[in-house]
Amino acid sequence: MKILIIDDQILFAEGVKNLIENYDESNQVACVDNVDNGYAFIRDNGKPDLILLDINIDGVRGFRLFEYLNTMDSKIPVLIVSANDSPTIATMAMEKGALGFISKCSRIEVMLEAVQKLLCGQSYLSKPLPENTEIHGHVTTRQQEVLYLLSQGLLNKQIASELNISANTVKAHVHDLFKHLKVSNRTAAVKSAKRYGLI
């Protein structure tokens, strides 16, 4: 199996590469350090059987990879490996098209199980996703996604583009978040969200 790791933490990526290759010598694993190099690798070497992606490799722009993959005739399964194991990030990743999500703090056995399941066409989550209804009182899943993107420093127009919604919808979500969190600006909203475990 051909596996591509896209992660700018080289030591971590090389460790995972060695782990997967030692587990099954038929696995061929390559590592690149950003999404653009991932595009180039796929163009030059053909489609891998699996991609392991650090979603925060280009900030939130790690999600750009899915736009590229969606242009292909056959889908490449993507396993998100993230230092941030927030359910909100997992939800966003699965909505974008990832088949799996695990934390970088996971045990070796979890990593290998996730890789094997995705190679067999199954999905894998290291913990359940939250309900797509209300979370933590009156804050919805979509509002949690907006909060996460706010915490990454994105403007309303950028958040709208990332979530495929209008800037006015983002503005409405931000307004509601300020109301629910009882704050008056973005910085305070992010601090409050972190305190309550929303991001």
C-alpha atoms as a PDB file:
ATOM      1  CA  MET A   1       0.000   0.000   0.000  1.00  0.00           C
ATOM      2  CA  LYS A   2       1.156   3.539  -0.760  1.00  0.00           C
ATOM      3  CA  ILE A   3       0.640   5.961   2.109  1.00  0.00           C
ATOM      4  CA  LEU A   4       1.335   9.699   2.135  1.00  0.00           C
ATOM      5  CA  ILE A   5       1.910  11.630   5.369  1.00  0.00           C
ATOM      6  CA  ILE A   6       1.419  15.405   5.175  1.00  0.00           C
ATOM      7  CA  ASP A   7       2.799  16.931   8.375  1.00  0.00           C
ATOM      8  CA  ASP A   8       5.254  19.745   9.061  1.00  0.00           C
ATOM      9  CA  GLN A   9       6.427  18.110  12.292  1.00  0.00           C
ATOM     10  CA  ILE A  10       9.132  16.079  10.600  1.00  0.00           C
ATOM     11  CA  LEU A  11      10.163  14.037  13.631  1.00  0.00           C
ATOM     12  CA  PHE A  12       6.565  12.954  14.234  1.00  0.00           C
ATOM     13  CA  ALA A  13       5.993  12.172  10.557  1.00  0.00           C
ATOM     14  CA  GLU A  14       9.156  10.071  10.292  1.00  0.00           C
ATOM     15  CA  GLY A  15       8.204   8.211  13.460  1.00  0.00           C
ATOM     16  CA  VAL A  16       4.772   7.352  12.050  1.00  0.00           C
ATOM     17  CA  LYS A  17       6.392   6.362   8.730  1.00  0.00           C
ATOM     18  CA  ASN A  18       8.714   3.911  10.504  1.00  0.00           C
ATOM     19  CA  LEU A  19       5.848   2.590  12.618  1.00  0.00           C
ATOM     20  CA  ILE A  20       3.634   1.828   9.602  1.00  0.00           C
ATOM     21  CA  GLU A  21       6.444   0.322   7.525  1.00  0.00           C
ATOM     22  CA  ASN A  22       7.667  -1.857  10.387  1.00  0.00           C
ATOM     23  CA  TYR A  23       4.115  -3.082  11.019  1.00  0.00           C
ATOM     24  CA  ASP A  24       3.759  -4.235   7.404  1.00  0.00           C
ATOM     25  CA  GLU A  25       6.803  -4.252   5.106  1.00  0.00           C
ATOM     26  CA  SER A  26       4.554  -4.048   2.036  1.00  0.00           C
ATOM     27  CA  ASN A  27       3.548  -0.505   3.048  1.00  0.00           C
ATOM     28  CA  GLN A  28       5.445   2.255   1.222  1.00  0.00           C
ATOM     29  CA  VAL A  29       5.236   5.526   3.131  1.00  0.00           C
ATOM     30  CA  ALA A  30       6.298   8.990   1.962  1.00  0.00           C
ATOM     31  CA  CYS A  31       6.346  12.209   3.971  1.00  0.00           C
ATOM     32  CA  VAL A  32       5.884  15.813   2.810  1.00  0.00           C
ATOM     33  CA  ASP A  33       5.772  18.920   4.955  1.00  0.00           C
ATOM     34  CA  ASN A  34       2.876  20.908   3.485  1.00  0.00           C
ATOM     35  CA  VAL A  35      -0.279  20.615   1.405  1.00  0.00           C
ATOM     36  CA  ASP A  36       1.282  22.072  -1.758  1.00  0.00           C
ATOM     37  CA  ASN A  37       4.004  19.431  -1.642  1.00  0.00           C
ATOM     38  CA  GLY A  38       1.225  16.895  -1.155  1.00  0.00           C
ATOM     39  CA  TYR A  39      -0.334  18.034  -4.440  1.00  0.00           C
ATOM     40  CA  ALA A  40       3.042  17.726  -6.163  1.00  0.00           C
ATOM     41  CA  PHE A  41       3.649  14.244  -4.737  1.00  0.00           C
ATOM     42  CA  ILE A  42       0.270  12.977  -5.971  1.00  0.00           C
ATOM     43  CA  ARG A  43       0.815  14.556  -9.383  1.00  0.00           C
ATOM     44  CA  ASP A  44       4.287  13.028  -9.779  1.00  0.00           C
ATOM     45  CA  ASN A  45       3.758   9.648  -8.100  1.00  0.00           C
ATOM     46  CA  GLY A  46       0.098   8.862  -8.575  1.00  0.00           C
ATOM     47  CA  LYS A  47      -2.652   8.548  -6.002  1.00  0.00           C
ATOM     48  CA  PRO A  48      -1.733   6.953  -2.669  1.00  0.00           C
ATOM     49  CA  ASP A  49      -4.018   4.428  -1.001  1.00  0.00           C
ATOM     50  CA  LEU A  50      -4.232   6.576   2.121  1.00  0.00           C
ATOM     51  CA  ILE A  51      -3.302  10.081   3.267  1.00  0.00           C
ATOM     52  CA  LEU A  52      -2.475  10.980   6.867  1.00  0.00           C
ATOM     53  CA  LEU A  53      -2.986  14.725   7.269  1.00  0.00           C
ATOM     54  CA  ASP A  54      -2.192  17.097  10.099  1.00  0.00           C
ATOM     55  CA  ILE A  55      -5.142  19.461   9.746  1.00  0.00           C
ATOM     56  CA  ASN A  56      -3.220  22.376  11.260  1.00  0.00           C
ATOM     57  CA  ILE A  57      -0.293  22.101   8.888  1.00  0.00           C
ATOM     58  CA  ASP A  58      -1.173  25.352   7.104  1.00  0.00           C
ATOM     59  CA  GLY A  59      -3.306  26.675   9.906  1.00  0.00           C
ATOM     60  CA  VAL A  60      -6.890  25.805   9.123  1.00  0.00           C
ATOM     61  CA  ARG A  61      -5.902  25.668   5.452  1.00  0.00           C
ATOM     62  CA  GLY A  62      -5.130  21.987   5.819  1.00  0.00           C
ATOM     63  CA  PHE A  63      -8.749  21.572   4.730  1.00  0.00           C
ATOM     64  CA  ARG A  64      -7.747  22.820   1.256  1.00  0.00           C
ATOM     65  CA  LEU A  65      -6.563  19.307   0.466  1.00  0.00           C
ATOM     66  CA  PHE A  66     -10.161  18.070   0.281  1.00  0.00           C
ATOM     67  CA  GLU A  67     -11.011  20.542  -2.482  1.00  0.00           C
ATOM     68  CA  TYR A  68      -8.153  19.077  -4.511  1.00  0.00           C
ATOM     69  CA  LEU A  69      -9.108  15.466  -3.754  1.00  0.00           C
ATOM     70  CA  ASN A  70     -12.716  16.109  -4.742  1.00  0.00           C
ATOM     71  CA  THR A  71     -11.564  16.806  -8.320  1.00  0.00           C
ATOM     72  CA  MET A  72     -10.322  13.234  -8.704  1.00  0.00           C
ATOM     73  CA  ASP A  73     -12.282  10.363 -10.224  1.00  0.00           C
ATOM     74  CA  SER A  74     -11.746   8.100  -7.236  1.00  0.00           C
ATOM     75  CA  LYS A  75     -11.495   9.300  -3.658  1.00  0.00           C
ATOM     76  CA  ILE A  76      -8.397   8.863  -1.535  1.00  0.00           C
ATOM     77  CA  PRO A  77      -9.227   8.074   2.104  1.00  0.00           C
ATOM     78  CA  VAL A  78      -7.888  10.687   4.519  1.00  0.00           C
ATOM     79  CA  LEU A  79      -7.045  10.123   8.176  1.00  0.00           C
ATOM     80  CA  ILE A  80      -6.729  13.345  10.153  1.00  0.00           C
ATOM     81  CA  VAL A  81      -3.977  13.197  12.782  1.00  0.00           C
ATOM     82  CA  SER A  82      -4.232  16.287  14.962  1.00  0.00           C
ATOM     83  CA  ALA A  83      -2.651  17.694  18.102  1.00  0.00           C
ATOM     84  CA  ASN A  84      -6.054  19.277  18.753  1.00  0.00           C
ATOM     85  CA  ASP A  85      -8.558  16.526  19.567  1.00  0.00           C
ATOM     86  CA  SER A  86     -11.512  18.890  19.933  1.00  0.00           C
ATOM     87  CA  PRO A  87     -14.796  17.291  18.783  1.00  0.00           C
ATOM     88  CA  THR A  88     -15.374  20.462  16.772  1.00  0.00           C
ATOM     89  CA  ILE A  89     -12.265  19.838  14.666  1.00  0.00           C
ATOM     90  CA  ALA A  90     -13.269  16.217  14.176  1.00  0.00           C
ATOM     91  CA  THR A  91     -16.732  17.304  13.024  1.00  0.00           C
ATOM     92  CA  MET A  92     -15.285  19.786  10.537  1.00  0.00           C
ATOM     93  CA  ALA A  93     -12.866  17.184   9.190  1.00  0.00           C
ATOM     94  CA  MET A  94     -15.579  14.576   8.659  1.00  0.00           C
ATOM     95  CA  GLU A  95     -17.859  17.134   7.002  1.00  0.00           C
ATOM     96  CA  LYS A  96     -15.047  18.017   4.593  1.00  0.00           C
ATOM     97  CA  GLY A  97     -14.597  14.382   3.618  1.00  0.00           C
ATOM     98  CA  ALA A  98     -12.129  12.759   6.038  1.00  0.00           C
ATOM     99  CA  LEU A  99     -12.835   9.101   6.844  1.00  0.00           C
ATOM    100  CA  GLY A 100     -10.950   9.103  10.115  1.00  0.00           C
ATOM    101  CA  PHE A 101      -9.748  11.304  12.951  1.00  0.00           C
ATOM    102  CA  ILE A 102      -7.274  10.554  15.761  1.00  0.00           C
ATOM    103  CA  SER A 103      -5.256  12.581  18.217  1.00  0.00           C
ATOM    104  CA  LYS A 104      -1.467  12.778  18.036  1.00  0.00           C
ATOM    105  CA  CYS A 105      -1.576  11.691  21.675  1.00  0.00           C
ATOM    106  CA  SER A 106      -3.104   8.340  20.687  1.00  0.00           C
ATOM    107  CA  ARG A 107      -1.393   5.072  21.527  1.00  0.00           C
ATOM    108  CA  ILE A 108       0.545   3.227  18.824  1.00  0.00           C
ATOM    109  CA  GLU A 109      -2.162   0.561  18.684  1.00  0.00           C
ATOM    110  CA  VAL A 110      -4.793   3.212  17.944  1.00  0.00           C
ATOM    111  CA  MET A 111      -2.744   4.660  15.090  1.00  0.00           C
ATOM    112  CA  LEU A 112      -2.212   1.237  13.503  1.00  0.00           C
ATOM    113  CA  GLU A 113      -5.865   0.282  13.923  1.00  0.00           C
ATOM    114  CA  ALA A 114      -6.987   3.543  12.294  1.00  0.00           C
ATOM    115  CA  VAL A 115      -4.616   3.050   9.349  1.00  0.00           C
ATOM    116  CA  GLN A 116      -5.754  -0.544   8.797  1.00  0.00           C
ATOM    117  CA  LYS A 117      -9.445   0.349   8.957  1.00  0.00           C
ATOM    118  CA  LEU A 118      -9.123   3.159   6.415  1.00  0.00           C
ATOM    119  CA  LEU A 119      -7.060   0.963   4.087  1.00  0.00           C
ATOM    120  CA  CYS A 120      -9.955  -1.521   4.245  1.00  0.00           C
ATOM    121  CA  GLY A 121     -12.473   1.182   3.331  1.00  0.00           C
ATOM    122  CA  GLN A 122     -13.840   1.719   6.828  1.00  0.00           C
ATOM    123  CA  SER A 123     -13.991   4.902   8.895  1.00  0.00           C
ATOM    124  CA  TYR A 124     -12.372   5.469  12.277  1.00  0.00           C
ATOM    125  CA  LEU A 125     -12.876   7.953  15.106  1.00  0.00           C
ATOM    126  CA  SER A 126     -10.825   7.925  18.277  1.00  0.00           C
ATOM    127  CA  LYS A 127     -13.890   9.244  20.120  1.00  0.00           C
ATOM    128  CA  PRO A 128     -17.513   9.908  19.148  1.00  0.00           C
ATOM    129  CA  LEU A 129     -18.493  13.106  17.382  1.00  0.00           C
ATOM    130  CA  PRO A 130     -20.858  15.447  19.168  1.00  0.00           C
ATOM    131  CA  GLU A 131     -24.500  15.541  18.182  1.00  0.00           C
ATOM    132  CA  ASN A 132     -25.255  17.988  15.378  1.00  0.00           C
ATOM    133  CA  THR A 133     -27.784  19.717  17.582  1.00  0.00           C
ATOM    134  CA  GLU A 134     -27.058  21.937  20.563  1.00  0.00           C
ATOM    135  CA  ILE A 135     -23.801  21.559  22.468  1.00  0.00           C
ATOM    136  CA  HIS A 136     -22.960  23.107  25.805  1.00  0.00           C
ATOM    137  CA  GLY A 137     -26.273  24.833  26.272  1.00  0.00           C
ATOM    138  CA  HIS A 138     -27.227  27.056  23.364  1.00  0.00           C
ATOM    139  CA  VAL A 139     -24.046  26.877  21.273  1.00  0.00           C
ATOM    140  CA  THR A 140     -24.596  24.765  18.152  1.00  0.00           C
ATOM    141  CA  THR A 141     -22.064  22.642  16.293  1.00  0.00           C
ATOM    142  CA  ARG A 142     -21.904  25.226  13.488  1.00  0.00           C
ATOM    143  CA  GLN A 143     -21.227  27.964  16.019  1.00  0.00           C
ATOM    144  CA  GLN A 144     -18.440  25.852  17.495  1.00  0.00           C
ATOM    145  CA  GLU A 145     -16.913  25.668  14.027  1.00  0.00           C
ATOM    146  CA  VAL A 146     -17.128  29.456  13.756  1.00  0.00           C
ATOM    147  CA  LEU A 147     -15.502  29.753  17.188  1.00  0.00           C
ATOM    148  CA  TYR A 148     -12.629  27.515  16.149  1.00  0.00           C
ATOM    149  CA  LEU A 149     -12.012  29.560  13.008  1.00  0.00           C
ATOM    150  CA  LEU A 150     -12.198  32.751  15.063  1.00  0.00           C
ATOM    151  CA  SER A 151      -9.520  31.293  17.319  1.00  0.00           C
ATOM    152  CA  GLN A 152      -7.337  30.830  14.203  1.00  0.00           C
ATOM    153  CA  GLY A 153      -7.596  34.562  13.490  1.00  0.00           C
ATOM    154  CA  LEU A 154      -9.817  34.311  10.414  1.00  0.00           C
ATOM    155  CA  LEU A 155     -12.066  37.179   9.352  1.00  0.00           C
ATOM    156  CA  ASN A 156     -15.779  36.736   8.650  1.00  0.00           C
ATOM    157  CA  LYS A 157     -15.251  36.455   4.881  1.00  0.00           C
ATOM    158  CA  GLN A 158     -12.553  33.819   5.386  1.00  0.00           C
ATOM    159  CA  ILE A 159     -14.759  31.857   7.786  1.00  0.00           C
ATOM    160  CA  ALA A 160     -17.612  32.029   5.274  1.00  0.00           C
ATOM    161  CA  SER A 161     -15.340  30.620   2.573  1.00  0.00           C
ATOM    162  CA  GLU A 162     -14.047  27.853   4.846  1.00  0.00           C
ATOM    163  CA  LEU A 163     -17.550  26.750   5.874  1.00  0.00           C
ATOM    164  CA  ASN A 164     -19.259  27.433   2.522  1.00  0.00           C
ATOM    165  CA  ILE A 165     -21.772  29.828   4.047  1.00  0.00           C
ATOM    166  CA  SER A 166     -22.410  33.538   3.504  1.00  0.00           C
ATOM    167  CA  ALA A 167     -20.551  36.273   5.359  1.00  0.00           C
ATOM    168  CA  ASN A 168     -23.912  37.476   6.706  1.00  0.00           C
ATOM    169  CA  THR A 169     -24.555  34.040   8.177  1.00  0.00           C
ATOM    170  CA  VAL A 170     -21.139  34.144   9.858  1.00  0.00           C
ATOM    171  CA  LYS A 171     -21.934  37.605  11.208  1.00  0.00           C
ATOM    172  CA  ALA A 172     -25.193  36.263  12.658  1.00  0.00           C
ATOM    173  CA  HIS A 173     -23.391  33.326  14.274  1.00  0.00           C
ATOM    174  CA  VAL A 174     -20.788  35.649  15.791  1.00  0.00           C
ATOM    175  CA  HIS A 175     -23.547  37.914  17.130  1.00  0.00           C
ATOM    176  CA  ASP A 176     -25.315  34.929  18.725  1.00  0.00           C
ATOM    177  CA  LEU A 177     -22.044  33.644  20.174  1.00  0.00           C
ATOM    178  CA  PHE A 178     -21.324  36.984  21.806  1.00  0.00           C
ATOM    179  CA  LYS A 179     -24.802  36.846  23.323  1.00  0.00           C
ATOM    180  CA  HIS A 180     -24.523  33.258  24.569  1.00  0.00           C
ATOM    181  CA  LEU A 181     -21.002  33.718  25.942  1.00  0.00           C
ATOM    182  CA  LYS A 182     -21.825  37.170  27.364  1.00  0.00           C
ATOM    183  CA  VAL A 183     -18.869  38.857  25.693  1.00  0.00           C
ATOM    184  CA  SER A 184     -18.481  41.840  23.383  1.00  0.00           C
ATOM    185  CA  ASN A 185     -15.469  40.993  21.193  1.00  0.00           C
ATOM    186  CA  ARG A 186     -13.720  38.128  19.428  1.00  0.00           C
ATOM    187  CA  THR A 187     -10.803  37.806  21.832  1.00  0.00           C
ATOM    188  CA  ALA A 188     -13.131  37.470  24.803  1.00  0.00           C
ATOM    189  CA  ALA A 189     -15.289  34.991  22.872  1.00  0.00           C
ATOM    190  CA  VAL A 190     -12.297  32.742  22.151  1.00  0.00           C
ATOM    191  CA  LYS A 191     -11.106  32.908  25.771  1.00  0.00           C
ATOM    192  CA  SER A 192     -14.581  32.084  27.039  1.00  0.00           C
ATOM    193  CA  ALA A 193     -14.977  29.251  24.529  1.00  0.00           C
ATOM    194  CA  LYS A 194     -11.690  27.686  25.637  1.00  0.00           C
ATOM    195  CA  ARG A 195     -12.697  28.016  29.278  1.00  0.00           C
ATOM    196  CA  TYR A 196     -15.955  26.153  28.631  1.00  0.00           C
ATOM    197  CA  GLY A 197     -14.295  23.515  26.468  1.00  0.00           C
ATOM    198  CA  LEU A 198     -16.071  24.589  23.278  1.00  0.00           C
ATOM    199  CA  ILE A 199     -12.835  24.646  21.260  1.00  0.00           C
END
